[in-house]
C-alpha atoms as a PDB file:
ATOM      1  CA  MET A   1      -0.019  -0.047  -0.006  1.00  0.00           C
ATOM      2  CA  ARG A   2       1.163   3.566  -0.838  1.00  0.00           C
ATOM      3  CA  SER A   3       1.933   5.943   1.916  1.00  0.00           C
ATOM      4  CA  LYS A   4       0.020   9.454   1.602  1.00  0.00           C
ATOM      5  CA  ASN A   5       3.034  11.445   2.739  1.00  0.00           C
ATOM      6  CA  ARG A   6       5.179  10.367  -0.291  1.00  0.00           C
ATOM      7  CA  ARG A   7       5.758  13.172  -2.699  1.00  0.00           C
ATOM      8  CA  PRO A   8       5.852  12.571  -6.528  1.00  0.00           C
ATOM      9  CA  ALA A   9       9.107  12.668  -8.127  1.00  0.00           C
ATOM     10  CA  SER A  10      10.178  16.181  -8.934  1.00  0.00           C
ATOM     11  CA  ARG A  11      10.465  17.441 -12.434  1.00  0.00           C
ATOM     12  CA  ILE A  12      13.295  19.292 -14.023  1.00  0.00           C
ATOM     13  CA  PRO A  13      12.251  22.871 -14.547  1.00  0.00           C
ATOM     14  CA  GLU A  14      12.051  24.276 -17.983  1.00  0.00           C
ATOM     15  CA  VAL A  15      12.939  27.835 -19.088  1.00  0.00           C
ATOM     16  CA  ASN A  16      10.906  29.177 -22.004  1.00  0.00           C
ATOM     17  CA  LEU A  17      13.236  31.590 -23.985  1.00  0.00           C
ATOM     18  CA  VAL A  18      10.798  32.733 -26.464  1.00  0.00           C
ATOM     19  CA  PRO A  19       9.246  35.571 -24.421  1.00  0.00           C
ATOM     20  CA  MET A  20      12.938  36.796 -23.766  1.00  0.00           C
ATOM     21  CA  MET A  21      13.839  36.557 -27.381  1.00  0.00           C
ATOM     22  CA  ASP A  22      10.630  38.631 -28.232  1.00  0.00           C
ATOM     23  CA  VAL A  23      11.640  41.358 -25.895  1.00  0.00           C
ATOM     24  CA  LEU A  24      15.166  41.486 -27.085  1.00  0.00           C
ATOM     25  CA  MET A  25      14.039  41.677 -30.761  1.00  0.00           C
ATOM     26  CA  THR A  26      11.628  44.400 -29.965  1.00  0.00           C
ATOM     27  CA  VAL A  27      14.314  46.557 -28.201  1.00  0.00           C
ATOM     28  CA  LEU A  28      16.885  45.954 -30.913  1.00  0.00           C
ATOM     29  CA  THR A  29      14.322  47.017 -33.565  1.00  0.00           C
ATOM     30  CA  PHE A  30      13.569  50.109 -31.544  1.00  0.00           C
ATOM     31  CA  PHE A  31      17.198  51.172 -31.431  1.00  0.00           C
ATOM     32  CA  ILE A  32      17.641  50.434 -35.182  1.00  0.00           C
ATOM     33  CA  ILE A  33      14.702  52.699 -36.084  1.00  0.00           C
ATOM     34  CA  ILE A  34      15.687  55.451 -33.677  1.00  0.00           C
ATOM     35  CA  SER A  35      19.340  55.509 -35.106  1.00  0.00           C
ATOM     36  CA  MET A  36      18.090  55.597 -38.691  1.00  0.00           C
ATOM     37  CA  GLY A  37      15.895  58.533 -37.811  1.00  0.00           C
ATOM     38  CA  LEU A  38      18.626  60.525 -36.366  1.00  0.00           C
ATOM     39  CA  THR A  39      20.710  60.488 -39.607  1.00  0.00           C
ATOM     40  CA  GLY A  40      20.023  62.053 -42.908  1.00  0.00           C
ATOM     41  CA  GLN A  41      19.210  65.601 -44.117  1.00  0.00           C
ATOM     42  CA  GLN A  42      15.929  67.257 -43.362  1.00  0.00           C
ATOM     43  CA  LEU A  43      14.039  69.145 -45.827  1.00  0.00           C
ATOM     44  CA  MET A  44      11.377  71.732 -44.786  1.00  0.00           C
ATOM     45  CA  ASN A  45       7.745  71.147 -45.921  1.00  0.00           C
ATOM     46  CA  VAL A  46       8.298  67.463 -46.887  1.00  0.00           C
ATOM     47  CA  ASN A  47       6.439  64.726 -44.871  1.00  0.00           C
ATOM     48  CA  LEU A  48       8.069  61.449 -45.985  1.00  0.00           C
ATOM     49  CA  PRO A  49       5.922  58.379 -46.273  1.00  0.00           C
ATOM     50  CA  ARG A  50       6.266  55.597 -43.607  1.00  0.00           C
ATOM     51  CA  GLY A  51       8.168  52.563 -44.436  1.00  0.00           C
ATOM     52  CA  GLY A  52       9.240  49.265 -42.664  1.00  0.00           C
ATOM     53  CA  ASP A  53      12.702  48.135 -43.383  1.00  0.00           C
ATOM     54  CA  GLY A  54      15.569  50.774 -43.665  1.00  0.00           C
ATOM     55  CA  SER A  55      16.592  53.392 -46.025  1.00  0.00           C
ATOM     56  CA  GLY A  56      19.633  54.546 -47.832  1.00  0.00           C
ATOM     57  CA  VAL A  57      22.781  54.628 -45.842  1.00  0.00           C
ATOM     58  CA  ASP A  58      25.184  57.445 -45.910  1.00  0.00           C
ATOM     59  CA  THR A  59      28.404  55.486 -45.753  1.00  0.00           C
ATOM     60  CA  GLU A  60      29.602  52.462 -47.782  1.00  0.00           C
ATOM     61  CA  VAL A  61      32.078  49.841 -46.739  1.00  0.00           C
ATOM     62  CA  GLN A  62      35.011  49.459 -49.167  1.00  0.00           C
ATOM     63  CA  ALA A  63      36.465  46.173 -50.056  1.00  0.00           C
ATOM     64  CA  ILE A  64      39.373  46.721 -47.807  1.00  0.00           C
ATOM     65  CA  GLY A  65      37.173  47.368 -44.846  1.00  0.00           C
ATOM     66  CA  GLU A  66      37.584  51.125 -44.437  1.00  0.00           C
ATOM     67  CA  GLU A  67      34.377  53.259 -44.177  1.00  0.00           C
ATOM     68  CA  GLN A  68      34.157  56.215 -46.707  1.00  0.00           C
ATOM     69  CA  GLU A  69      31.688  59.088 -46.574  1.00  0.00           C
ATOM     70  CA  VAL A  70      29.744  59.094 -49.782  1.00  0.00           C
ATOM     71  CA  GLU A  71      28.258  62.399 -50.610  1.00  0.00           C
ATOM     72  CA  ASN A  72      24.467  62.410 -51.605  1.00  0.00           C
ATOM     73  CA  LEU A  73      22.453  64.906 -53.467  1.00  0.00           C
ATOM     74  CA  VAL A  74      19.113  65.333 -51.863  1.00  0.00           C
ATOM     75  CA  ILE A  75      16.092  66.424 -53.971  1.00  0.00           C
ATOM     76  CA  GLY A  76      12.842  67.211 -52.366  1.00  0.00           C
ATOM     77  CA  LEU A  77       9.311  67.166 -53.790  1.00  0.00           C
ATOM     78  CA  ASP A  78       6.897  68.894 -51.426  1.00  0.00           C
ATOM     79  CA  ASN A  79       2.941  68.423 -51.284  1.00  0.00           C
ATOM     80  CA  GLN A  80       2.554  71.101 -54.020  1.00  0.00           C
ATOM     81  CA  GLY A  81       4.787  69.240 -56.409  1.00  0.00           C
ATOM     82  CA  ASN A  82       7.432  71.786 -56.177  1.00  0.00           C
ATOM     83  CA  ILE A  83      11.128  70.344 -56.771  1.00  0.00           C
ATOM     84  CA  LEU A  84      13.376  71.414 -53.930  1.00  0.00           C
ATOM     85  CA  LEU A  85      17.083  71.543 -54.044  1.00  0.00           C
ATOM     86  CA  ASP A  86      18.757  72.729 -50.731  1.00  0.00           C
ATOM     87  CA  ASN A  87      15.347  73.824 -49.488  1.00  0.00           C
ATOM     88  CA  GLU A  88      14.714  76.081 -52.453  1.00  0.00           C
ATOM     89  CA  ALA A  89      12.185  75.512 -55.217  1.00  0.00           C
ATOM     90  CA  VAL A  90      13.855  74.950 -58.570  1.00  0.00           C
ATOM     91  CA  SER A  91      12.870  74.330 -62.016  1.00  0.00           C
ATOM     92  CA  LEU A  92      13.532  70.996 -63.886  1.00  0.00           C
ATOM     93  CA  ALA A  93      16.161  72.642 -66.057  1.00  0.00           C
ATOM     94  CA  VAL A  94      18.126  73.858 -62.876  1.00  0.00           C
ATOM     95  CA  LEU A  95      17.581  70.402 -61.413  1.00  0.00           C
ATOM     96  CA  GLY A  96      18.999  68.811 -64.558  1.00  0.00           C
ATOM     97  CA  GLN A  97      22.100  70.885 -64.389  1.00  0.00           C
ATOM     98  CA  ALA A  98      22.649  70.147 -60.691  1.00  0.00           C
ATOM     99  CA  VAL A  99      22.218  66.323 -61.410  1.00  0.00           C
ATOM    100  CA  GLN A 100      24.542  66.317 -64.336  1.00  0.00           C
ATOM    101  CA  GLN A 101      27.170  68.166 -62.385  1.00  0.00           C
ATOM    102  CA  PHE A 102      26.807  66.027 -59.267  1.00  0.00           C
ATOM    103  CA  ALA A 103      27.126  62.847 -61.456  1.00  0.00           C
ATOM    104  CA  THR A 104      30.367  64.134 -63.059  1.00  0.00           C
ATOM    105  CA  ASN A 105      31.895  65.155 -59.643  1.00  0.00           C
ATOM    106  CA  ASN A 106      30.951  62.331 -57.630  1.00  0.00           C
ATOM    107  CA  THR A 107      31.014  58.944 -59.389  1.00  0.00           C
ATOM    108  CA  GLU A 108      30.044  56.876 -56.205  1.00  0.00           C
ATOM    109  CA  GLY A 109      27.545  59.473 -54.973  1.00  0.00           C
ATOM    110  CA  LYS A 110      23.868  58.750 -54.807  1.00  0.00           C
ATOM    111  CA  ILE A 111      20.685  60.961 -55.586  1.00  0.00           C
ATOM    112  CA  VAL A 112      18.164  60.771 -52.739  1.00  0.00           C
ATOM    113  CA  LEU A 113      14.501  61.700 -53.622  1.00  0.00           C
ATOM    114  CA  LYS A 114      12.554  62.777 -50.542  1.00  0.00           C
ATOM    115  CA  ALA A 115       8.768  63.086 -51.730  1.00  0.00           C
ATOM    116  CA  ASP A 116       5.997  64.139 -49.700  1.00  0.00           C
ATOM    117  CA  ARG A 117       3.760  61.364 -48.658  1.00  0.00           C
ATOM    118  CA  ASP A 118       0.573  63.266 -49.792  1.00  0.00           C
ATOM    119  CA  LEU A 119       1.520  63.355 -53.421  1.00  0.00           C
ATOM    120  CA  PRO A 120       0.149  60.931 -55.869  1.00  0.00           C
ATOM    121  CA  TYR A 121       2.741  58.425 -56.785  1.00  0.00           C
ATOM    122  CA  GLU A 122       2.256  59.429 -60.514  1.00  0.00           C
ATOM    123  CA  GLN A 123       4.198  62.667 -59.770  1.00  0.00           C
ATOM    124  CA  VAL A 124       6.860  60.886 -57.967  1.00  0.00           C
ATOM    125  CA  ALA A 125       7.241  58.383 -60.920  1.00  0.00           C
ATOM    126  CA  ASP A 126       7.466  61.288 -63.482  1.00  0.00           C
ATOM    127  CA  LEU A 127      10.181  62.822 -61.509  1.00  0.00           C
ATOM    128  CA  LEU A 128      12.073  59.574 -61.288  1.00  0.00           C
ATOM    129  CA  THR A 129      11.602  59.433 -65.110  1.00  0.00           C
ATOM    130  CA  ASP A 130      12.887  62.808 -65.639  1.00  0.00           C
ATOM    131  CA  LEU A 131      15.925  62.099 -63.335  1.00  0.00           C
ATOM    132  CA  ARG A 132      16.651  58.949 -65.429  1.00  0.00           C
ATOM    133  CA  ASP A 133      16.565  60.892 -68.558  1.00  0.00           C
ATOM    134  CA  ILE A 134      18.874  63.535 -67.189  1.00  0.00           C
ATOM    135  CA  GLY A 135      21.357  60.810 -66.155  1.00  0.00           C
ATOM    136  CA  GLY A 136      20.575  60.207 -62.540  1.00  0.00           C
ATOM    137  CA  ASP A 137      20.875  56.474 -62.741  1.00  0.00           C
ATOM    138  CA  ARG A 138      21.487  56.095 -58.859  1.00  0.00           C
ATOM    139  CA  VAL A 139      18.328  57.460 -57.407  1.00  0.00           C
ATOM    140  CA  SER A 140      16.988  56.297 -54.028  1.00  0.00           C
ATOM    141  CA  LEU A 141      13.640  57.022 -52.513  1.00  0.00           C
ATOM    142  CA  ALA A 142      13.611  58.148 -48.879  1.00  0.00           C
ATOM    143  CA  PHE A 143      11.031  57.284 -46.260  1.00  0.00           C
ATOM    144  CA  GLU A 144      10.744  57.335 -42.492  1.00  0.00           C
END
């Protein structure tokens, strides 16, 4: 007969790491997003669209492992459809000259287009087409 005072065999405790990993990934994601928001040039009167995974990077790593600052030409497109260069409205002809001069002086440089989120995408696509025709073959779209 069994005694009532006897305890059942103790189990080995288990540690569930999934919640801890979820918290760790959330904190890591938070710091990545915050650090990306602190870099880059700001344009007045341009509200960038929201995004999920990253944006253009201001530095590139060379094959030998050194970091080199890459100069970017930042072009804005505000909510009225005005083209902004250095926070001043410019015409497409002036923009074309600036892009061609930038492309010849900076072979590794990138062109960053910061378009307002309220613009129809057709206007953004038209400007991208114009930039391609001018010679801007390294154009990145910025978002926050």
